[in-house]
Amino acid sequence: MRAELCGYGESSDADHIARPSAVGQTAAMRAALASARIEAGQIAYVNAHGTGTKANDATECESLRAVFGADVDRVAVASTKSYVGTRWRGGGDRDGGDGPGPGGWPPAAQLEPGAPRPRLRGPAVGGVAEPLAGEYAMKNSFGFGGSNAVLVLRRAE
């Protein structure tokens, strides 16, 4: 699937070297939506930073709920780190999979379709790629020291 980069947001909360900040993450997501000139409700899929740690995942879920409100329960959220790992772990240290395929979002390697999401209700993106049900997607990237960057992508014609 081809996409057009249509929005970008960043923030630097510098709250703690390794502890994520919902304030900084939320600011970056809102800035990206404003840059794209769209509302949060237009996002169909969020590729979460999703490190799989308790601190990061809880904070990112809090941030998503702050930005999307009740709409977060209809947004598909997953992280491709379940396939590729992170640079801190050498990248690519987990099993591969079928990948997203054309016109869809990538699945999460360790999440079964329909599995409960304790912090976010709504569609769980399991081990099978699914078609993107909307025009826009968001990519979150949150780094040590409070460096937060968010992209908004639109499906290209």
C-alpha atoms as a PDB file:
ATOM      1  CA  MET A   1       0.000   0.000   0.000  1.00  0.00           C
ATOM      2  CA  ARG A   2       1.249   3.459  -0.839  1.00  0.00           C
ATOM      3  CA  ALA A   3       0.767   6.333   1.538  1.00  0.00           C
ATOM      4  CA  GLU A   4       1.317  10.061   1.626  1.00  0.00           C
ATOM      5  CA  LEU A   5       2.902  11.685   4.663  1.00  0.00           C
ATOM      6  CA  CYS A   6       0.399  14.389   5.535  1.00  0.00           C
ATOM      7  CA  GLY A   7       1.173  15.294   9.138  1.00  0.00           C
ATOM      8  CA  TYR A   8       4.028  15.382  11.628  1.00  0.00           C
ATOM      9  CA  GLY A   9       4.198  16.236  15.298  1.00  0.00           C
ATOM     10  CA  GLU A  10       6.963  16.214  17.837  1.00  0.00           C
ATOM     11  CA  SER A  11       7.567  17.049  21.454  1.00  0.00           C
ATOM     12  CA  SER A  12      10.376  16.834  23.956  1.00  0.00           C
ATOM     13  CA  ASP A  13       9.104  16.409  27.470  1.00  0.00           C
ATOM     14  CA  ALA A  14      12.480  15.509  29.064  1.00  0.00           C
ATOM     15  CA  ASP A  15      10.585  14.267  32.125  1.00  0.00           C
ATOM     16  CA  HIS A  16      12.843  11.257  32.730  1.00  0.00           C
ATOM     17  CA  ILE A  17      15.588   9.508  30.780  1.00  0.00           C
ATOM     18  CA  ALA A  18      13.688   6.197  30.541  1.00  0.00           C
ATOM     19  CA  ARG A  19      10.159   6.727  31.896  1.00  0.00           C
ATOM     20  CA  PRO A  20       7.626   7.719  29.210  1.00  0.00           C
ATOM     21  CA  SER A  21       5.394  10.764  29.656  1.00  0.00           C
ATOM     22  CA  ALA A  22       1.739  10.815  28.624  1.00  0.00           C
ATOM     23  CA  VAL A  23       1.932  14.610  28.442  1.00  0.00           C
ATOM     24  CA  GLY A  24       4.716  14.552  25.847  1.00  0.00           C
ATOM     25  CA  GLN A  25       3.204  11.705  23.822  1.00  0.00           C
ATOM     26  CA  THR A  26      -0.202  13.384  23.768  1.00  0.00           C
ATOM     27  CA  ALA A  27       1.336  16.695  22.641  1.00  0.00           C
ATOM     28  CA  ALA A  28       3.133  14.992  19.730  1.00  0.00           C
ATOM     29  CA  MET A  29      -0.013  13.126  18.590  1.00  0.00           C
ATOM     30  CA  ARG A  30      -2.141  16.280  18.742  1.00  0.00           C
ATOM     31  CA  ALA A  31       0.511  18.246  16.828  1.00  0.00           C
ATOM     32  CA  ALA A  32       0.579  15.572  14.102  1.00  0.00           C
ATOM     33  CA  LEU A  33      -3.216  15.678  13.758  1.00  0.00           C
ATOM     34  CA  ALA A  34      -3.135  19.484  13.559  1.00  0.00           C
ATOM     35  CA  SER A  35      -0.361  19.337  10.953  1.00  0.00           C
ATOM     36  CA  ALA A  36      -2.450  16.907   8.877  1.00  0.00           C
ATOM     37  CA  ARG A  37      -5.525  19.112   9.394  1.00  0.00           C
ATOM     38  CA  ILE A  38      -7.682  16.177  10.466  1.00  0.00           C
ATOM     39  CA  GLU A  39      -9.567  15.102  13.571  1.00  0.00           C
ATOM     40  CA  ALA A  40      -8.547  12.137  15.712  1.00  0.00           C
ATOM     41  CA  GLY A  41     -11.749  10.346  14.669  1.00  0.00           C
ATOM     42  CA  GLN A  42     -10.434  10.088  11.108  1.00  0.00           C
ATOM     43  CA  ILE A  43      -7.555   7.790  12.122  1.00  0.00           C
ATOM     44  CA  ALA A  44      -8.346   4.114  11.416  1.00  0.00           C
ATOM     45  CA  TYR A  45      -5.080   2.526  12.566  1.00  0.00           C
ATOM     46  CA  VAL A  46      -2.295   3.438  14.990  1.00  0.00           C
ATOM     47  CA  ASN A  47       1.088   1.793  14.666  1.00  0.00           C
ATOM     48  CA  ALA A  48       2.020   2.156  18.311  1.00  0.00           C
ATOM     49  CA  HIS A  49       5.513   2.625  19.670  1.00  0.00           C
ATOM     50  CA  GLY A  50       4.550  -0.498  21.647  1.00  0.00           C
ATOM     51  CA  THR A  51       7.707  -1.717  23.320  1.00  0.00           C
ATOM     52  CA  GLY A  52       5.809  -4.370  25.263  1.00  0.00           C
ATOM     53  CA  THR A  53       6.985  -3.000  28.615  1.00  0.00           C
ATOM     54  CA  LYS A  54       4.493  -2.248  31.377  1.00  0.00           C
ATOM     55  CA  ALA A  55       5.580   1.383  31.701  1.00  0.00           C
ATOM     56  CA  ASN A  56       5.545   2.186  27.984  1.00  0.00           C
ATOM     57  CA  ASP A  57       2.384   0.333  27.052  1.00  0.00           C
ATOM     58  CA  ALA A  58       0.374   1.724  29.980  1.00  0.00           C
ATOM     59  CA  THR A  59       1.546   5.270  29.214  1.00  0.00           C
ATOM     60  CA  GLU A  60       0.911   4.950  25.473  1.00  0.00           C
ATOM     61  CA  CYS A  61      -2.593   3.616  26.138  1.00  0.00           C
ATOM     62  CA  GLU A  62      -3.217   6.578  28.468  1.00  0.00           C
ATOM     63  CA  SER A  63      -1.969   8.944  25.741  1.00  0.00           C
ATOM     64  CA  LEU A  64      -4.120   7.322  23.057  1.00  0.00           C
ATOM     65  CA  ARG A  65      -7.189   7.596  25.271  1.00  0.00           C
ATOM     66  CA  ALA A  66      -6.403  11.287  25.932  1.00  0.00           C
ATOM     67  CA  VAL A  67      -6.142  12.044  22.197  1.00  0.00           C
ATOM     68  CA  PHE A  68      -8.904   9.804  20.827  1.00  0.00           C
ATOM     69  CA  GLY A  69     -11.309   9.746  23.780  1.00  0.00           C
ATOM     70  CA  ALA A  70     -14.049   7.133  23.369  1.00  0.00           C
ATOM     71  CA  ASP A  71     -13.078   6.811  19.670  1.00  0.00           C
ATOM     72  CA  VAL A  72      -9.953   4.875  20.704  1.00  0.00           C
ATOM     73  CA  ASP A  73     -12.153   1.798  21.165  1.00  0.00           C
ATOM     74  CA  ARG A  74     -12.829   1.643  17.411  1.00  0.00           C
ATOM     75  CA  VAL A  75      -9.244   2.327  16.291  1.00  0.00           C
ATOM     76  CA  ALA A  76      -7.043  -0.639  15.409  1.00  0.00           C
ATOM     77  CA  VAL A  77      -3.803  -0.395  17.410  1.00  0.00           C
ATOM     78  CA  ALA A  78      -0.764  -2.649  17.020  1.00  0.00           C
ATOM     79  CA  SER A  79       3.012  -2.462  17.087  1.00  0.00           C
ATOM     80  CA  THR A  80       5.355  -3.905  14.497  1.00  0.00           C
ATOM     81  CA  LYS A  81       8.008  -4.296  17.206  1.00  0.00           C
ATOM     82  CA  SER A  82       6.534  -7.758  17.749  1.00  0.00           C
ATOM     83  CA  TYR A  83       8.111  -8.618  14.387  1.00  0.00           C
ATOM     84  CA  VAL A  84      11.265  -6.526  14.213  1.00  0.00           C
ATOM     85  CA  GLY A  85      12.225  -5.795  17.804  1.00  0.00           C
ATOM     86  CA  THR A  86      13.966  -2.525  18.612  1.00  0.00           C
ATOM     87  CA  ARG A  87      17.474  -1.285  18.049  1.00  0.00           C
ATOM     88  CA  TRP A  88      18.203  -1.834  21.743  1.00  0.00           C
ATOM     89  CA  ARG A  89      17.635  -5.556  21.238  1.00  0.00           C
ATOM     90  CA  GLY A  90      19.438  -5.807  17.929  1.00  0.00           C
ATOM     91  CA  GLY A  91      16.333  -5.495  15.755  1.00  0.00           C
ATOM     92  CA  GLY A  92      14.736  -8.400  13.964  1.00  0.00           C
ATOM     93  CA  ASP A  93      15.043 -10.686  16.962  1.00  0.00           C
ATOM     94  CA  ARG A  94      11.559 -12.144  16.750  1.00  0.00           C
ATOM     95  CA  ASP A  95       9.706 -14.420  14.391  1.00  0.00           C
ATOM     96  CA  GLY A  96       8.560 -12.995  11.077  1.00  0.00           C
ATOM     97  CA  GLY A  97       5.120 -13.579   9.642  1.00  0.00           C
ATOM     98  CA  ASP A  98       2.954 -12.868   6.684  1.00  0.00           C
ATOM     99  CA  GLY A  99       3.368  -9.081   6.904  1.00  0.00           C
ATOM    100  CA  PRO A 100       0.701  -6.520   6.105  1.00  0.00           C
ATOM    101  CA  GLY A 101       0.046  -7.320   2.473  1.00  0.00           C
ATOM    102  CA  PRO A 102      -1.285  -4.704   0.072  1.00  0.00           C
ATOM    103  CA  GLY A 103      -3.689  -2.144   1.491  1.00  0.00           C
ATOM    104  CA  GLY A 104      -3.655  -3.370   5.077  1.00  0.00           C
ATOM    105  CA  TRP A 105      -2.168  -2.942   8.488  1.00  0.00           C
ATOM    106  CA  PRO A 106       0.497  -5.240   9.907  1.00  0.00           C
ATOM    107  CA  PRO A 107      -0.603  -7.727  12.546  1.00  0.00           C
ATOM    108  CA  ALA A 108       0.989  -8.163  15.963  1.00  0.00           C
ATOM    109  CA  ALA A 109       2.994 -11.384  16.224  1.00  0.00           C
ATOM    110  CA  GLN A 110       2.121 -12.272  19.824  1.00  0.00           C
ATOM    111  CA  LEU A 111      -1.548 -11.260  19.873  1.00  0.00           C
ATOM    112  CA  GLU A 112      -4.330 -13.611  18.873  1.00  0.00           C
ATOM    113  CA  PRO A 113      -7.195 -12.112  16.837  1.00  0.00           C
ATOM    114  CA  GLY A 114      -9.997 -11.113  19.202  1.00  0.00           C
ATOM    115  CA  ALA A 115      -7.719 -11.272  22.266  1.00  0.00           C
ATOM    116  CA  PRO A 116      -8.733  -8.960  25.121  1.00  0.00           C
ATOM    117  CA  ARG A 117      -6.924  -5.648  25.415  1.00  0.00           C
ATOM    118  CA  PRO A 118      -6.982  -4.657  29.088  1.00  0.00           C
ATOM    119  CA  ARG A 119      -6.276  -0.952  28.529  1.00  0.00           C
ATOM    120  CA  LEU A 120      -7.931  -0.433  25.134  1.00  0.00           C
ATOM    121  CA  ARG A 121     -11.181  -1.965  24.033  1.00  0.00           C
ATOM    122  CA  GLY A 122     -12.059  -2.387  20.376  1.00  0.00           C
ATOM    123  CA  PRO A 123     -10.414  -4.288  17.567  1.00  0.00           C
ATOM    124  CA  ALA A 124      -7.408  -6.365  18.555  1.00  0.00           C
ATOM    125  CA  VAL A 125      -4.990  -6.726  15.674  1.00  0.00           C
ATOM    126  CA  GLY A 126      -3.915 -10.352  15.872  1.00  0.00           C
ATOM    127  CA  GLY A 127      -1.570 -12.499  13.818  1.00  0.00           C
ATOM    128  CA  VAL A 128      -3.402 -11.921  10.525  1.00  0.00           C
ATOM    129  CA  ALA A 129      -3.123  -8.836   8.322  1.00  0.00           C
ATOM    130  CA  GLU A 130      -6.388  -6.969   7.800  1.00  0.00           C
ATOM    131  CA  PRO A 131      -7.479  -4.288   5.333  1.00  0.00           C
ATOM    132  CA  LEU A 132      -7.253  -0.672   6.421  1.00  0.00           C
ATOM    133  CA  ALA A 133     -10.826   0.462   7.015  1.00  0.00           C
ATOM    134  CA  GLY A 134     -10.124   4.169   6.666  1.00  0.00           C
ATOM    135  CA  GLU A 135      -8.049   6.755   4.886  1.00  0.00           C
ATOM    136  CA  TYR A 136      -5.605   7.707   7.674  1.00  0.00           C
ATOM    137  CA  ALA A 137      -3.068   5.961   9.897  1.00  0.00           C
ATOM    138  CA  MET A 138      -0.793   7.229  12.667  1.00  0.00           C
ATOM    139  CA  LYS A 139       2.740   6.084  13.552  1.00  0.00           C
ATOM    140  CA  ASN A 140       4.045   6.766  17.064  1.00  0.00           C
ATOM    141  CA  SER A 141       7.762   6.822  17.911  1.00  0.00           C
ATOM    142  CA  PHE A 142       8.740   7.678  21.468  1.00  0.00           C
ATOM    143  CA  GLY A 143      12.387   7.661  22.556  1.00  0.00           C
ATOM    144  CA  PHE A 144      14.473   7.870  25.679  1.00  0.00           C
ATOM    145  CA  GLY A 145      14.711  11.292  27.232  1.00  0.00           C
ATOM    146  CA  GLY A 146      11.232  12.279  26.097  1.00  0.00           C
ATOM    147  CA  SER A 147      11.862  12.580  22.352  1.00  0.00           C
ATOM    148  CA  ASN A 148       8.458  12.022  20.747  1.00  0.00           C
ATOM    149  CA  ALA A 149       7.658  11.955  17.028  1.00  0.00           C
ATOM    150  CA  VAL A 150       4.357  11.086  15.353  1.00  0.00           C
ATOM    151  CA  LEU A 151       3.487  10.755  11.670  1.00  0.00           C
ATOM    152  CA  VAL A 152       0.047  10.848  10.062  1.00  0.00           C
ATOM    153  CA  LEU A 153      -0.236   8.987   6.760  1.00  0.00           C
ATOM    154  CA  ARG A 154      -3.021   9.056   4.193  1.00  0.00           C
ATOM    155  CA  ARG A 155      -3.759   6.276   1.761  1.00  0.00           C
ATOM    156  CA  ALA A 156      -2.420   7.281  -1.649  1.00  0.00           C
ATOM    157  CA  GLU A 157      -4.654   6.989  -4.693  1.00  0.00           C
END
